[in-house]
Protein backbone atom coordinates (compact mmCIF):
# COMPACT_ATOMS: atom_id res chain seq x y z
CA MET A 1 -13.13 6.47 12.42
CA GLU A 2 -10.59 7.24 15.10
CA ALA A 3 -8.25 4.66 14.71
CA LEU A 4 -7.07 1.79 12.46
CA ASP A 5 -7.62 -1.38 13.67
CA VAL A 6 -6.31 -4.82 12.23
CA GLY A 7 -9.49 -5.20 10.11
CA ILE A 8 -9.38 -2.32 8.27
CA LEU A 9 -5.66 -2.79 7.32
CA THR A 10 -6.12 -5.98 6.11
CA GLU A 11 -8.89 -4.76 3.96
CA TRP A 12 -6.39 -1.71 2.94
CA LEU A 13 -3.95 -4.19 1.68
CA THR A 14 -6.65 -6.63 0.33
CA ARG A 15 -7.71 -3.53 -1.74
CA ALA A 16 -3.83 -2.54 -2.71
CA ALA A 17 -3.47 -5.94 -4.31
CA GLN A 18 -6.17 -5.64 -6.49
CA ARG A 19 -5.22 -1.68 -7.51
CA PHE A 20 -1.82 -2.98 -8.23
CA GLY A 21 -3.11 -5.85 -10.18
CA ALA A 22 -5.31 -3.30 -12.13
CA GLU A 23 -2.53 -0.64 -12.73
CA GLN A 24 0.27 -3.58 -13.60
CA ALA A 25 0.33 -2.52 -17.10
CA HIS A 26 0.75 1.34 -16.08
CA LEU A 27 3.34 0.58 -13.60
CA CYS A 28 5.26 -1.40 -15.76
CA ASP A 29 4.93 1.30 -18.68
CA LEU A 30 6.49 3.93 -16.38
CA ASP A 31 9.57 1.55 -15.24
CA ALA A 32 10.26 0.54 -18.88
CA ALA A 33 11.11 4.17 -19.66
CA ILE A 34 13.63 4.42 -16.80
CA GLY A 35 13.70 1.34 -15.50
CA ASP A 36 13.67 -2.78 -16.41
CA GLY A 37 10.18 -2.43 -16.96
CA ASP A 38 8.63 -5.19 -14.35
CA HIS A 39 7.92 -2.30 -11.10
CA GLY A 40 4.01 -3.21 -11.57
CA ALA A 41 4.42 -7.06 -12.25
CA ASN A 42 6.43 -7.52 -9.48
CA LEU A 43 4.34 -5.41 -6.98
CA ALA A 44 1.15 -7.19 -8.12
CA ARG A 45 2.75 -10.27 -7.84
CA GLY A 46 4.07 -9.62 -4.23
CA PHE A 47 0.67 -7.98 -3.07
CA ALA A 48 -1.19 -10.83 -4.33
CA ALA A 49 0.99 -13.14 -2.06
CA VAL A 50 0.36 -10.67 0.66
CA ALA A 51 -3.56 -10.99 0.41
CA THR A 52 -3.41 -14.82 0.70
CA LYS A 53 -1.45 -14.57 3.83
CA MET A 54 -3.50 -12.39 5.92
CA ALA A 55 -6.08 -14.04 7.53
CA GLY A 56 -6.05 -14.35 11.26
CA ALA A 57 -3.82 -11.62 11.69
CA GLU A 58 -4.24 -10.19 15.18
CA THR A 59 -2.20 -6.80 15.20
CA ALA A 60 -1.18 -4.48 13.12
CA SER A 61 2.39 -4.97 13.92
CA GLY A 62 2.18 -8.73 13.19
CA LEU A 63 0.44 -8.12 10.12
CA PHE A 64 2.92 -5.48 8.62
CA LYS A 65 5.87 -7.93 9.58
CA MET A 66 4.13 -10.04 7.66
CA VAL A 67 3.61 -8.27 4.57
CA GLY A 68 7.55 -6.91 4.80
CA MET A 69 8.57 -10.39 4.75
CA THR A 70 6.35 -11.61 1.92
CA LEU A 71 7.30 -8.80 -0.24
CA ILE A 72 11.01 -9.27 0.19
CA GLY A 73 10.24 -12.71 -0.89
CA THR A 74 8.29 -12.39 -3.73
CA VAL A 75 8.86 -8.71 -4.94
CA GLY A 76 12.10 -8.66 -7.53
CA GLY A 77 14.49 -6.00 -7.92
CA ALA A 78 15.19 -3.17 -5.63
CA SER A 79 11.20 -2.89 -4.84
CA GLY A 80 10.91 -5.90 -2.47
CA PRO A 81 13.59 -4.91 -0.06
CA LEU A 82 12.11 -1.55 -0.01
CA TYR A 83 8.96 -2.10 0.01
CA GLY A 84 9.59 -4.74 2.67
CA THR A 85 11.40 -2.78 4.82
CA LEU A 86 8.66 0.08 4.78
CA PHE A 87 6.30 -2.66 6.13
CA ILE A 88 8.64 -4.32 8.63
CA GLU A 89 9.62 -0.85 10.09
CA MET A 90 6.09 0.25 10.32
CA GLY A 91 5.39 -3.17 12.23
CA LYS A 92 7.89 -2.37 14.67
CA GLU A 93 6.86 1.05 15.49
CA ALA A 94 2.93 -0.21 15.20
CA ALA A 95 3.95 -2.62 18.34
CA ASN A 96 4.61 1.01 20.58
CA HIS A 97 0.94 1.63 20.30
CA ALA A 98 -2.13 0.31 21.65
CA THR A 99 -4.20 2.07 18.83
CA LEU A 100 -3.44 3.04 15.68
CA ASP A 101 -4.93 6.59 15.71
CA GLN A 102 -3.74 9.87 13.85
CA SER A 103 -1.04 10.81 15.80
CA ALA A 104 0.31 6.91 16.09
CA TRP A 105 0.11 6.46 12.29
CA ALA A 106 1.96 9.00 11.37
CA GLN A 107 4.57 7.81 13.75
CA VAL A 108 4.25 4.28 11.90
CA LEU A 109 4.34 5.85 8.60
CA ALA A 110 7.40 7.99 9.46
CA ALA A 111 9.25 4.78 10.81
CA GLY A 112 8.76 3.19 7.46
CA LEU A 113 9.97 6.48 5.82
CA ALA A 114 13.28 6.34 7.67
CA GLY A 115 13.97 2.49 7.04
CA VAL A 116 13.38 3.14 3.27
CA MET A 117 15.44 5.88 3.42
CA ALA A 118 18.36 4.19 5.21
CA ARG A 119 17.91 0.72 3.16
CA GLY A 120 18.22 2.51 -0.20
CA LYS A 121 20.37 5.74 0.90
CA ALA A 122 18.12 7.45 -1.01
CA ARG A 123 16.89 11.25 -0.18
CA PRO A 124 14.03 13.75 -1.48
CA GLY A 125 14.78 14.72 -5.31
CA ASP A 126 16.57 11.13 -5.72
CA LYS A 127 13.85 10.08 -8.11
CA THR A 128 12.52 7.19 -5.60
CA MET A 129 9.47 6.44 -4.12
CA ILE A 130 10.65 8.59 -1.29
CA ASP A 131 9.59 11.69 -3.30
CA ALA A 132 5.82 10.59 -2.33
CA LEU A 133 6.60 8.90 1.03
CA ALA A 134 8.06 12.15 2.56
CA PRO A 135 5.35 14.63 1.80
CA ALA A 136 3.04 12.25 2.94
CA VAL A 137 4.46 11.86 6.24
CA LYS A 138 4.98 15.46 6.64
CA ALA A 139 1.46 16.32 5.25
CA MET A 140 -0.43 13.93 8.20
CA THR A 141 1.01 16.70 10.69
CA GLY A 142 -1.85 19.32 12.21
CA ALA A 143 -4.79 17.33 10.09
CA ALA A 144 -8.16 17.59 11.90
CA ASP A 145 -8.72 13.88 12.15
CA LEU A 146 -7.50 10.38 10.71
CA SER A 147 -9.71 10.72 7.61
CA THR A 148 -8.41 14.25 6.75
CA ALA A 149 -4.49 13.26 7.80
CA LEU A 150 -4.74 10.07 5.67
CA ALA A 151 -6.58 12.33 2.74
CA SER A 152 -3.81 14.87 3.02
CA ALA A 153 -1.08 12.35 3.05
CA ALA A 154 -2.71 10.63 -0.40
CA ALA A 155 -2.66 13.78 -2.18
CA ALA A 156 0.59 14.99 -1.08
CA ALA A 157 2.19 11.99 -2.13
CA ARG A 158 0.34 11.80 -5.73
CA LEU A 159 1.83 15.51 -5.93
CA GLY A 160 5.13 14.19 -4.82
CA ALA A 161 5.23 11.47 -7.50
CA ALA A 162 4.15 14.07 -10.04
CA GLU A 163 6.93 16.15 -9.39
CA THR A 164 9.65 13.44 -9.91
CA ILE A 165 8.95 14.19 -13.62
CA PRO A 166 11.54 16.96 -14.17
CA LEU A 167 14.20 15.21 -12.13
CA ILE A 168 17.41 13.34 -12.69
CA ALA A 169 17.38 10.18 -11.00
CA HIS A 170 20.00 9.28 -8.79
CA LYS A 171 19.51 5.96 -7.34
CA GLY A 172 18.72 2.56 -9.36
CA ARG A 173 18.75 1.91 -13.03
CA ALA A 174 17.74 5.24 -13.55
CA SER A 175 20.67 7.13 -12.37
CA TYR A 176 22.19 5.49 -14.81
CA LEU A 177 20.15 7.35 -17.77
CA GLY A 178 21.25 10.79 -16.44
CA ASP A 179 19.49 13.48 -18.62
CA ARG A 180 17.47 11.19 -20.40
CA ALA A 181 15.50 10.27 -16.90
CA VAL A 182 13.97 13.71 -17.18
CA GLY A 183 10.55 13.47 -18.75
CA HIS A 184 9.34 10.90 -16.47
CA GLN A 185 7.38 9.92 -13.52
CA ASP A 186 9.34 7.61 -11.03
CA PRO A 187 7.18 4.43 -10.76
CA GLY A 188 7.88 3.69 -7.50
CA ALA A 189 6.80 6.97 -6.26
CA THR A 190 3.76 6.13 -8.51
CA SER A 191 3.09 3.05 -6.56
CA LEU A 192 3.91 4.30 -3.00
CA ALA A 193 1.09 7.24 -3.93
CA MET A 194 -1.48 4.27 -5.31
CA LEU A 195 -1.02 2.55 -2.17
CA LEU A 196 -1.87 5.07 0.25
CA ALA A 197 -4.80 6.49 -2.14
CA VAL A 198 -6.09 3.11 -1.59
CA LEU A 199 -5.89 3.43 2.23
CA ALA A 200 -7.78 7.35 1.95
CA GLU A 201 -10.56 5.96 -0.17
CA LEU A 202 -11.00 3.17 2.05
CA VAL A 203 -11.11 5.37 5.37
CA GLY A 204 -12.64 8.62 3.66
């Protein structure tokens, strides 16, 4: 596959909704250790709502903007605004490309990263979803083709999520825990890695 079309992206988000539903308890358990304990339930609810609204989307840009607005409206806590911003900014960048080939997709994901960093005032190392998203964007550079780039991004995100375990949190409720957050994997980074893994599995 040389480019991502709206059909593939719709299937990605449909499968992501299924994955978040299946992993809801796991994500809630991670969040219970350092947060409110509702990350999995919130994402499962938000992406289930997304899955009901995607039929008829004609462009990647329009699809992503709809996803972003739906997540902001249905996902509670910090995850709604952050995931919503991710997709809205991806949608804005996608509008600049006729097709989402490897290079364009890297730019789309980078735009999402920039939006999330600006919205959450977070940087790599803060023990947030950025710790999975930033290495994923970086890993796409120089890949041989789209499927390889997506697989590399997913692998980098998974590793980035795991590498949040020894970190002290600097954002969100987890930041109040200080050293007590050490030893726990960040749920936002984990869910972001899941999201990218679903796309890599679909295209690969």
